[in-house]
């Protein structure tokens, strides 16, 4: 899965939540989340784990499944 697909998946999972809500819950910067969602950057492994936990899914399903 490429970074654009990951970004789309993150946006879809965020749904009606604000970016601010996600960054506070996952402890990342707003600019980092924006870069992840825009496919400009892929999160580090520890951030992948926190995002997957926040969205109640697995790292595998979120970042590697097609």
Foldseek 3Di string as FASTA:
>chain_A
DAQQVLLCLLVVLCPPPDLVVVCVQLVDDSVVNVCSNNSNDDDDPSSLCSSCVVSVHDSCVRPPDD
